[in-house]
Amino acid sequence: MGPSEVFVHPTSVVPSQAQLGEGVWVGPHCVIGDKVIIHKNTRLEGNIQILGSTEIGESCLFSPFSVIGGEPQDVGYRQEATRVLIGDRNVFREFITVHRGTIKGGGETVIGNGGYFMAYSHIGHDCRVGNDVVFINAATLGGHVSVDDYATISAFSAVHQFCRIGKYAYIGGFTVVTLDVVPFAKVAGMRPVLFYGLNAIGLRRQGFTRDRIQVIKHIFKLLFYSDLNTSQAVEMIQAQIPPGEDRDEVIRFIQSSKRGIIKKPSGTWDEESE
């Protein structure tokens, strides 16, 4: 078959109403719903269900035994027309579940571009997941969770409903997140979850300069290691650090937090750490 042809294995169920773009490859024993849209060059390896009103972008890969677009696990759901939107170049490994939204949550579960979702990850209803994220095995999002670009959620970690994970944040393995995690931070643990400093390794991998990292460290020293409360720390950050992309990202995140942020540090401030 040519690169632009659509392939559907004869054991798969694909109704005529489903829309498959050029180069889509559907392996054996897949089930695709009649409201599904799959854009070009996306590959379903086999034993995958794409259900409901689900739209999938270009060049995604789905490994076996995943269910995408299933009904939300919400006791108030009454078969309303809600959906899942998935961007381009995402990798979904084995046994992934992504649930569509609810009316009260805005009706959409949204995933951006370039994500890597390892085996047994779960994305609950009404979640909004950004670009270039990494979910390590069995990372789990409750409903209405927001995960910003370049965040990493490590193995067997769970994020409570309505929590927010900031850009470039790193969640350590076996963590239970019940408050918001500020951008650029590392956190880990269970009740309490502790702040472990700057995600410096992740930032360097993404091309952050030393000077840029030093500015974020200054922000974190004021926010996490001073005697100031959060509001006072934000005022001090605004007074001491000139406006900039990273400073403003942290301030906006804190000021828009409804649940509060994870703030308890794991130890004392070390000027030379990271």
C-alpha atoms as a PDB file:
ATOM      1  CA  MET A   1       0.000   0.000   0.000  1.00  0.00           C
ATOM      2  CA  GLY A   2       1.098   3.561  -0.690  1.00  0.00           C
ATOM      3  CA  PRO A   3       1.964   6.064   2.044  1.00  0.00           C
ATOM      4  CA  SER A   4      -1.303   7.960   1.558  1.00  0.00           C
ATOM      5  CA  GLU A   5      -3.556   4.907   1.644  1.00  0.00           C
ATOM      6  CA  VAL A   6      -5.695   4.012   4.634  1.00  0.00           C
ATOM      7  CA  PHE A   7      -5.233   0.499   6.016  1.00  0.00           C
ATOM      8  CA  VAL A   8      -7.868  -1.196   8.172  1.00  0.00           C
ATOM      9  CA  HIS A   9      -7.250  -4.749   9.304  1.00  0.00           C
ATOM     10  CA  PRO A  10     -10.217  -7.010   8.430  1.00  0.00           C
ATOM     11  CA  THR A  11     -10.772  -7.915  12.093  1.00  0.00           C
ATOM     12  CA  SER A  12     -11.322  -4.273  13.075  1.00  0.00           C
ATOM     13  CA  VAL A  13     -14.683  -2.499  13.251  1.00  0.00           C
ATOM     14  CA  VAL A  14     -14.701   0.893  11.535  1.00  0.00           C
ATOM     15  CA  PRO A  15     -18.103   2.342  10.553  1.00  0.00           C
ATOM     16  CA  SER A  16     -18.399   4.320   7.348  1.00  0.00           C
ATOM     17  CA  GLN A  17     -19.187   7.521   9.293  1.00  0.00           C
ATOM     18  CA  ALA A  18     -15.751   7.541  10.961  1.00  0.00           C
ATOM     19  CA  GLN A  19     -13.269   9.855   9.259  1.00  0.00           C
ATOM     20  CA  LEU A  20      -9.766   8.482   8.664  1.00  0.00           C
ATOM     21  CA  GLY A  21      -7.110  10.692   7.083  1.00  0.00           C
ATOM     22  CA  GLU A  22      -4.560   9.559   4.536  1.00  0.00           C
ATOM     23  CA  GLY A  23      -1.949   7.155   5.786  1.00  0.00           C
ATOM     24  CA  VAL A  24      -3.937   6.101   8.865  1.00  0.00           C
ATOM     25  CA  TRP A  25      -3.127   2.512   9.862  1.00  0.00           C
ATOM     26  CA  VAL A  26      -5.618   0.487  11.934  1.00  0.00           C
ATOM     27  CA  GLY A  27      -4.272  -2.829  13.175  1.00  0.00           C
ATOM     28  CA  PRO A  28      -6.196  -5.947  14.220  1.00  0.00           C
ATOM     29  CA  HIS A  29      -9.129  -6.052  16.629  1.00  0.00           C
ATOM     30  CA  CYS A  30      -9.673  -2.294  16.903  1.00  0.00           C
ATOM     31  CA  VAL A  31     -13.091  -0.651  17.425  1.00  0.00           C
ATOM     32  CA  ILE A  32     -13.655   2.898  16.192  1.00  0.00           C
ATOM     33  CA  GLY A  33     -16.831   4.858  16.874  1.00  0.00           C
ATOM     34  CA  ASP A  34     -18.904   6.533  14.202  1.00  0.00           C
ATOM     35  CA  LYS A  35     -18.122  10.070  15.459  1.00  0.00           C
ATOM     36  CA  VAL A  36     -14.357   9.574  15.507  1.00  0.00           C
ATOM     37  CA  ILE A  37     -11.979  11.667  13.389  1.00  0.00           C
ATOM     38  CA  ILE A  38      -8.364  10.475  12.959  1.00  0.00           C
ATOM     39  CA  HIS A  39      -5.958  12.652  10.997  1.00  0.00           C
ATOM     40  CA  LYS A  40      -3.228  11.495   8.657  1.00  0.00           C
ATOM     41  CA  ASN A  41      -0.423   9.081   9.468  1.00  0.00           C
ATOM     42  CA  THR A  42      -1.755   8.072  12.882  1.00  0.00           C
ATOM     43  CA  ARG A  43      -1.232   4.412  13.721  1.00  0.00           C
ATOM     44  CA  LEU A  44      -3.346   2.103  15.894  1.00  0.00           C
ATOM     45  CA  GLU A  45      -1.290  -1.016  16.497  1.00  0.00           C
ATOM     46  CA  GLY A  46      -4.134  -3.310  17.573  1.00  0.00           C
ATOM     47  CA  ASN A  47      -6.746  -4.050  20.245  1.00  0.00           C
ATOM     48  CA  ILE A  48      -7.568  -0.358  20.669  1.00  0.00           C
ATOM     49  CA  GLN A  49     -10.938   1.337  21.129  1.00  0.00           C
ATOM     50  CA  ILE A  50     -11.485   4.939  19.998  1.00  0.00           C
ATOM     51  CA  LEU A  51     -14.965   5.891  21.163  1.00  0.00           C
ATOM     52  CA  GLY A  52     -17.429   8.759  21.344  1.00  0.00           C
ATOM     53  CA  SER A  53     -16.752  12.119  19.743  1.00  0.00           C
ATOM     54  CA  THR A  54     -12.974  11.874  19.634  1.00  0.00           C
ATOM     55  CA  GLU A  55     -10.654  13.748  17.286  1.00  0.00           C
ATOM     56  CA  ILE A  56      -7.013  12.675  17.008  1.00  0.00           C
ATOM     57  CA  GLY A  57      -4.312  14.693  15.259  1.00  0.00           C
ATOM     58  CA  GLU A  58      -1.566  13.671  12.864  1.00  0.00           C
ATOM     59  CA  SER A  59       1.238  11.139  13.371  1.00  0.00           C
ATOM     60  CA  CYS A  60       0.100   9.755  16.725  1.00  0.00           C
ATOM     61  CA  LEU A  61       0.899   6.214  17.862  1.00  0.00           C
ATOM     62  CA  PHE A  62      -1.443   4.058  19.960  1.00  0.00           C
ATOM     63  CA  SER A  63      -0.131   0.816  21.452  1.00  0.00           C
ATOM     64  CA  PRO A  64      -2.412  -2.135  22.250  1.00  0.00           C
ATOM     65  CA  PHE A  65      -5.212  -2.247  24.818  1.00  0.00           C
ATOM     66  CA  SER A  66      -5.897   1.474  25.109  1.00  0.00           C
ATOM     67  CA  VAL A  67      -9.382   3.003  25.359  1.00  0.00           C
ATOM     68  CA  ILE A  68      -9.644   6.607  24.181  1.00  0.00           C
ATOM     69  CA  GLY A  69     -12.830   8.638  24.451  1.00  0.00           C
ATOM     70  CA  GLY A  70     -14.672   6.415  26.904  1.00  0.00           C
ATOM     71  CA  GLU A  71     -17.452   7.770  29.084  1.00  0.00           C
ATOM     72  CA  PRO A  72     -16.350   9.965  31.991  1.00  0.00           C
ATOM     73  CA  GLN A  73     -16.227   8.358  35.419  1.00  0.00           C
ATOM     74  CA  ASP A  74     -18.680  10.882  36.801  1.00  0.00           C
ATOM     75  CA  VAL A  75     -21.879   9.803  38.562  1.00  0.00           C
ATOM     76  CA  GLY A  76     -23.703  12.834  37.144  1.00  0.00           C
ATOM     77  CA  TYR A  77     -22.961  11.998  33.521  1.00  0.00           C
ATOM     78  CA  ARG A  78     -26.163  11.496  31.512  1.00  0.00           C
ATOM     79  CA  GLN A  79     -24.931  10.628  28.023  1.00  0.00           C
ATOM     80  CA  GLU A  80     -24.432  14.268  27.035  1.00  0.00           C
ATOM     81  CA  ALA A  81     -22.520  15.011  23.842  1.00  0.00           C
ATOM     82  CA  THR A  82     -18.965  15.658  25.038  1.00  0.00           C
ATOM     83  CA  ARG A  83     -15.625  14.910  23.433  1.00  0.00           C
ATOM     84  CA  VAL A  84     -11.872  14.302  23.469  1.00  0.00           C
ATOM     85  CA  LEU A  85      -9.439  16.394  21.416  1.00  0.00           C
ATOM     86  CA  ILE A  86      -5.889  15.097  20.908  1.00  0.00           C
ATOM     87  CA  GLY A  87      -3.160  16.952  19.027  1.00  0.00           C
ATOM     88  CA  ASP A  88      -0.301  15.760  16.826  1.00  0.00           C
ATOM     89  CA  ARG A  89       2.720  13.481  17.404  1.00  0.00           C
ATOM     90  CA  ASN A  90       1.581  11.950  20.668  1.00  0.00           C
ATOM     91  CA  VAL A  91       2.644   8.480  21.777  1.00  0.00           C
ATOM     92  CA  PHE A  92       0.205   6.422  23.847  1.00  0.00           C
ATOM     93  CA  ARG A  93       1.667   3.178  25.122  1.00  0.00           C
ATOM     94  CA  GLU A  94      -0.207   0.119  26.386  1.00  0.00           C
ATOM     95  CA  PHE A  95      -3.386   0.229  28.505  1.00  0.00           C
ATOM     96  CA  ILE A  96      -3.934   4.001  28.356  1.00  0.00           C
ATOM     97  CA  THR A  97      -7.362   5.458  29.225  1.00  0.00           C
ATOM     98  CA  VAL A  98      -8.544   8.939  28.241  1.00  0.00           C
ATOM     99  CA  HIS A  99     -12.111   9.902  29.179  1.00  0.00           C
ATOM    100  CA  ARG A 100     -14.220  12.482  27.420  1.00  0.00           C
ATOM    101  CA  GLY A 101     -15.448  15.613  29.200  1.00  0.00           C
ATOM    102  CA  THR A 102     -18.601  16.475  31.103  1.00  0.00           C
ATOM    103  CA  ILE A 103     -21.026  19.329  30.513  1.00  0.00           C
ATOM    104  CA  LYS A 104     -20.265  20.879  33.897  1.00  0.00           C
ATOM    105  CA  GLY A 105     -16.532  20.715  33.126  1.00  0.00           C
ATOM    106  CA  GLY A 106     -16.741  22.399  29.737  1.00  0.00           C
ATOM    107  CA  GLY A 107     -17.430  19.290  27.665  1.00  0.00           C
ATOM    108  CA  GLU A 108     -13.879  18.573  26.508  1.00  0.00           C
ATOM    109  CA  THR A 109     -10.827  16.599  27.525  1.00  0.00           C
ATOM    110  CA  VAL A 110      -7.906  18.144  25.644  1.00  0.00           C
ATOM    111  CA  ILE A 111      -4.363  16.892  25.010  1.00  0.00           C
ATOM    112  CA  GLY A 112      -1.793  18.987  23.133  1.00  0.00           C
ATOM    113  CA  ASN A 113       1.079  17.955  20.862  1.00  0.00           C
ATOM    114  CA  GLY A 114       4.166  15.826  21.325  1.00  0.00           C
ATOM    115  CA  GLY A 115       3.255  14.063  24.571  1.00  0.00           C
ATOM    116  CA  TYR A 116       4.592  10.679  25.656  1.00  0.00           C
ATOM    117  CA  PHE A 117       2.171   8.660  27.792  1.00  0.00           C
ATOM    118  CA  MET A 118       3.645   5.441  29.172  1.00  0.00           C
ATOM    119  CA  ALA A 119       1.746   2.275  30.013  1.00  0.00           C
ATOM    120  CA  TYR A 120      -1.323   2.415  32.285  1.00  0.00           C
ATOM    121  CA  SER A 121      -1.514   6.218  32.372  1.00  0.00           C
ATOM    122  CA  HIS A 122      -4.991   7.669  32.923  1.00  0.00           C
ATOM    123  CA  ILE A 123      -6.353  11.077  31.917  1.00  0.00           C
ATOM    124  CA  GLY A 124      -9.700  11.791  33.542  1.00  0.00           C
ATOM    125  CA  HIS A 125     -12.636  13.791  32.245  1.00  0.00           C
ATOM    126  CA  ASP A 126     -12.263  17.516  31.521  1.00  0.00           C
ATOM    127  CA  CYS A 127      -8.485  17.472  31.895  1.00  0.00           C
ATOM    128  CA  ARG A 128      -6.342  19.856  29.868  1.00  0.00           C
ATOM    129  CA  VAL A 129      -2.872  18.564  29.085  1.00  0.00           C
ATOM    130  CA  GLY A 130      -0.321  20.729  27.304  1.00  0.00           C
ATOM    131  CA  ASN A 131       2.481  20.085  24.829  1.00  0.00           C
ATOM    132  CA  ASP A 132       5.585  17.897  25.208  1.00  0.00           C
ATOM    133  CA  VAL A 133       4.553  16.368  28.520  1.00  0.00           C
ATOM    134  CA  VAL A 134       5.756  13.010  29.841  1.00  0.00           C
ATOM    135  CA  PHE A 135       3.542  10.665  31.860  1.00  0.00           C
ATOM    136  CA  ILE A 136       5.548   7.762  33.272  1.00  0.00           C
ATOM    137  CA  ASN A 137       3.906   4.391  33.954  1.00  0.00           C
ATOM    138  CA  ALA A 138       0.538   4.602  35.763  1.00  0.00           C
ATOM    139  CA  ALA A 139       0.569   8.389  36.103  1.00  0.00           C
ATOM    140  CA  THR A 140      -3.034   9.281  36.925  1.00  0.00           C
ATOM    141  CA  LEU A 141      -5.064  12.475  36.581  1.00  0.00           C
ATOM    142  CA  GLY A 142      -8.390  12.964  38.335  1.00  0.00           C
ATOM    143  CA  GLY A 143     -11.054  15.036  36.605  1.00  0.00           C
ATOM    144  CA  HIS A 144     -10.554  18.700  35.715  1.00  0.00           C
ATOM    145  CA  VAL A 145      -6.760  18.610  36.145  1.00  0.00           C
ATOM    146  CA  SER A 146      -4.557  21.011  34.178  1.00  0.00           C
ATOM    147  CA  VAL A 147      -1.011  19.994  33.168  1.00  0.00           C
ATOM    148  CA  ASP A 148       1.056  22.661  31.437  1.00  0.00           C
ATOM    149  CA  ASP A 149       3.737  22.285  28.739  1.00  0.00           C
ATOM    150  CA  TYR A 150       6.899  20.222  29.403  1.00  0.00           C
ATOM    151  CA  ALA A 151       5.683  18.868  32.750  1.00  0.00           C
ATOM    152  CA  THR A 152       6.643  15.348  33.850  1.00  0.00           C
ATOM    153  CA  ILE A 153       4.507  13.118  36.082  1.00  0.00           C
ATOM    154  CA  SER A 154       6.460  10.129  37.317  1.00  0.00           C
ATOM    155  CA  ALA A 155       5.418   6.541  37.857  1.00  0.00           C
ATOM    156  CA  PHE A 156       2.419   5.681  40.074  1.00  0.00           C
ATOM    157  CA  SER A 157       1.752   9.330  40.892  1.00  0.00           C
ATOM    158  CA  ALA A 158      -1.789  10.661  41.202  1.00  0.00           C
ATOM    159  CA  VAL A 159      -3.082  14.209  40.801  1.00  0.00           C
ATOM    160  CA  HIS A 160      -6.262  15.146  42.670  1.00  0.00           C
ATOM    161  CA  GLN A 161      -9.164  16.605  40.723  1.00  0.00           C
ATOM    162  CA  PHE A 162      -8.983  20.339  39.920  1.00  0.00           C
ATOM    163  CA  CYS A 163      -5.241  20.554  40.649  1.00  0.00           C
ATOM    164  CA  ARG A 164      -2.833  22.313  38.292  1.00  0.00           C
ATOM    165  CA  ILE A 165       0.705  21.314  37.316  1.00  0.00           C
ATOM    166  CA  GLY A 166       2.807  24.226  36.061  1.00  0.00           C
ATOM    167  CA  LYS A 167       5.161  24.398  33.087  1.00  0.00           C
ATOM    168  CA  TYR A 168       8.389  22.379  33.369  1.00  0.00           C
ATOM    169  CA  ALA A 169       7.333  20.968  36.752  1.00  0.00           C
ATOM    170  CA  TYR A 170       8.524  17.504  37.781  1.00  0.00           C
ATOM    171  CA  ILE A 171       6.417  15.188  39.965  1.00  0.00           C
ATOM    172  CA  GLY A 172       8.479  12.436  41.586  1.00  0.00           C
ATOM    173  CA  GLY A 173       7.355   8.821  41.652  1.00  0.00           C
ATOM    174  CA  PHE A 174       4.598   7.606  44.018  1.00  0.00           C
ATOM    175  CA  THR A 175       3.488  11.193  44.751  1.00  0.00           C
ATOM    176  CA  VAL A 176      -0.070  12.178  45.727  1.00  0.00           C
ATOM    177  CA  VAL A 177      -0.683  15.747  44.524  1.00  0.00           C
ATOM    178  CA  THR A 178      -3.554  17.545  46.265  1.00  0.00           C
ATOM    179  CA  LEU A 179      -2.419  21.156  45.735  1.00  0.00           C
ATOM    180  CA  ASP A 180      -1.094  23.063  42.718  1.00  0.00           C
ATOM    181  CA  VAL A 181       2.559  22.621  41.690  1.00  0.00           C
ATOM    182  CA  VAL A 182       4.242  25.848  40.607  1.00  0.00           C
ATOM    183  CA  PRO A 183       6.116  26.035  37.286  1.00  0.00           C
ATOM    184  CA  PHE A 184       9.752  24.819  37.250  1.00  0.00           C
ATOM    185  CA  ALA A 185       9.426  22.991  40.601  1.00  0.00           C
ATOM    186  CA  LYS A 186      10.248  19.459  41.741  1.00  0.00           C
ATOM    187  CA  VAL A 187       7.902  17.861  44.259  1.00  0.00           C
ATOM    188  CA  ALA A 188       7.553  14.370  45.690  1.00  0.00           C
ATOM    189  CA  GLY A 189       5.982  12.457  48.549  1.00  0.00           C
ATOM    190  CA  MET A 190       2.657  11.585  50.089  1.00  0.00           C
ATOM    191  CA  ARG A 191       0.853  13.672  52.689  1.00  0.00           C
ATOM    192  CA  PRO A 192       2.702  15.910  52.892  1.00  0.00           C
ATOM    193  CA  VAL A 193       4.139  16.373  49.433  1.00  0.00           C
ATOM    194  CA  LEU A 194       7.405  18.284  49.751  1.00  0.00           C
ATOM    195  CA  PHE A 195       9.096  20.814  47.500  1.00  0.00           C
ATOM    196  CA  TYR A 196      12.521  19.576  46.361  1.00  0.00           C
ATOM    197  CA  GLY A 197      13.788  22.670  44.594  1.00  0.00           C
ATOM    198  CA  LEU A 198      14.182  23.653  40.993  1.00  0.00           C
ATOM    199  CA  ASN A 199      13.764  21.159  38.150  1.00  0.00           C
ATOM    200  CA  ALA A 200      17.224  22.219  36.998  1.00  0.00           C
ATOM    201  CA  ILE A 201      18.045  19.082  35.022  1.00  0.00           C
ATOM    202  CA  GLY A 202      14.806  19.361  33.073  1.00  0.00           C
ATOM    203  CA  LEU A 203      15.367  23.058  32.417  1.00  0.00           C
ATOM    204  CA  ARG A 204      18.913  22.511  31.160  1.00  0.00           C
ATOM    205  CA  ARG A 205      17.676  19.762  28.857  1.00  0.00           C
ATOM    206  CA  GLN A 206      15.197  22.267  27.430  1.00  0.00           C
ATOM    207  CA  GLY A 207      17.930  24.796  26.746  1.00  0.00           C
ATOM    208  CA  PHE A 208      17.523  27.173  29.694  1.00  0.00           C
ATOM    209  CA  THR A 209      20.634  29.316  30.171  1.00  0.00           C
ATOM    210  CA  ARG A 210      22.493  29.566  33.472  1.00  0.00           C
ATOM    211  CA  ASP A 211      21.348  33.167  33.908  1.00  0.00           C
ATOM    212  CA  ARG A 212      17.715  32.218  33.327  1.00  0.00           C
ATOM    213  CA  ILE A 213      17.971  29.399  35.862  1.00  0.00           C
ATOM    214  CA  GLN A 214      19.546  31.762  38.402  1.00  0.00           C
ATOM    215  CA  VAL A 215      16.547  34.092  38.136  1.00  0.00           C
ATOM    216  CA  ILE A 216      14.152  31.225  38.862  1.00  0.00           C
ATOM    217  CA  LYS A 217      16.305  30.137  41.820  1.00  0.00           C
ATOM    218  CA  HIS A 218      16.021  33.665  43.227  1.00  0.00           C
ATOM    219  CA  ILE A 219      12.233  33.474  42.853  1.00  0.00           C
ATOM    220  CA  PHE A 220      12.145  30.115  44.637  1.00  0.00           C
ATOM    221  CA  LYS A 221      14.369  31.335  47.476  1.00  0.00           C
ATOM    222  CA  LEU A 222      11.865  34.096  48.220  1.00  0.00           C
ATOM    223  CA  LEU A 223       8.804  31.886  47.741  1.00  0.00           C
ATOM    224  CA  PHE A 224       9.850  28.698  49.523  1.00  0.00           C
ATOM    225  CA  TYR A 225      12.733  29.502  51.880  1.00  0.00           C
ATOM    226  CA  SER A 226      11.879  32.879  53.401  1.00  0.00           C
ATOM    227  CA  ASP A 227       9.672  33.648  56.380  1.00  0.00           C
ATOM    228  CA  LEU A 228       7.181  35.380  54.075  1.00  0.00           C
ATOM    229  CA  ASN A 229       3.685  34.065  53.425  1.00  0.00           C
ATOM    230  CA  THR A 230       2.746  33.482  49.793  1.00  0.00           C
ATOM    231  CA  SER A 231       1.204  36.920  49.211  1.00  0.00           C
ATOM    232  CA  GLN A 232       4.197  38.646  50.790  1.00  0.00           C
ATOM    233  CA  ALA A 233       6.600  36.529  48.760  1.00  0.00           C
ATOM    234  CA  VAL A 234       4.844  37.483  45.526  1.00  0.00           C
ATOM    235  CA  GLU A 235       5.110  41.151  46.461  1.00  0.00           C
ATOM    236  CA  MET A 236       8.817  40.728  47.193  1.00  0.00           C
ATOM    237  CA  ILE A 237       9.379  38.892  43.899  1.00  0.00           C
ATOM    238  CA  GLN A 238       7.695  41.738  42.044  1.00  0.00           C
ATOM    239  CA  ALA A 239       9.824  44.281  43.901  1.00  0.00           C
ATOM    240  CA  GLN A 240      13.198  42.541  43.534  1.00  0.00           C
ATOM    241  CA  ILE A 241      13.033  40.800  40.158  1.00  0.00           C
ATOM    242  CA  PRO A 242      12.402  42.659  36.885  1.00  0.00           C
ATOM    243  CA  PRO A 243       9.422  41.532  34.776  1.00  0.00           C
ATOM    244  CA  GLY A 244      10.209  38.612  32.522  1.00  0.00           C
ATOM    245  CA  GLU A 245       8.714  35.473  31.032  1.00  0.00           C
ATOM    246  CA  ASP A 246       9.598  33.142  33.898  1.00  0.00           C
ATOM    247  CA  ARG A 247       8.902  35.568  36.755  1.00  0.00           C
ATOM    248  CA  ASP A 248       5.540  36.478  35.263  1.00  0.00           C
ATOM    249  CA  GLU A 249       4.664  32.817  34.663  1.00  0.00           C
ATOM    250  CA  VAL A 250       5.202  31.971  38.329  1.00  0.00           C
ATOM    251  CA  ILE A 251       3.280  35.010  39.572  1.00  0.00           C
ATOM    252  CA  ARG A 252       0.322  34.412  37.254  1.00  0.00           C
ATOM    253  CA  PHE A 253       0.192  30.774  38.297  1.00  0.00           C
ATOM    254  CA  ILE A 254       0.166  31.585  42.015  1.00  0.00           C
ATOM    255  CA  GLN A 255      -2.355  34.403  41.721  1.00  0.00           C
ATOM    256  CA  SER A 256      -4.771  32.189  39.754  1.00  0.00           C
ATOM    257  CA  SER A 257      -4.473  29.209  42.116  1.00  0.00           C
ATOM    258  CA  LYS A 258      -7.729  28.165  43.762  1.00  0.00           C
ATOM    259  CA  ARG A 259      -6.438  25.198  45.771  1.00  0.00           C
ATOM    260  CA  GLY A 260      -3.174  26.721  46.978  1.00  0.00           C
ATOM    261  CA  ILE A 261       0.350  25.585  46.131  1.00  0.00           C
ATOM    262  CA  ILE A 262       2.669  22.893  47.467  1.00  0.00           C
ATOM    263  CA  LYS A 263       5.087  24.950  49.500  1.00  0.00           C
ATOM    264  CA  LYS A 264       6.707  22.939  52.298  1.00  0.00           C
ATOM    265  CA  PRO A 265      10.416  22.499  51.459  1.00  0.00           C
ATOM    266  CA  SER A 266      12.222  19.222  51.995  1.00  0.00           C
ATOM    267  CA  GLY A 267      15.181  20.968  53.645  1.00  0.00           C
ATOM    268  CA  THR A 268      16.985  24.244  54.090  1.00  0.00           C
ATOM    269  CA  TRP A 269      18.032  26.513  51.243  1.00  0.00           C
ATOM    270  CA  ASP A 270      21.339  25.559  49.594  1.00  0.00           C
ATOM    271  CA  GLU A 271      22.729  28.371  47.454  1.00  0.00           C
ATOM    272  CA  GLU A 272      24.934  25.997  45.494  1.00  0.00           C
ATOM    273  CA  SER A 273      22.348  23.259  44.896  1.00  0.00           C
ATOM    274  CA  GLU A 274      21.196  22.418  41.393  1.00  0.00           C
END
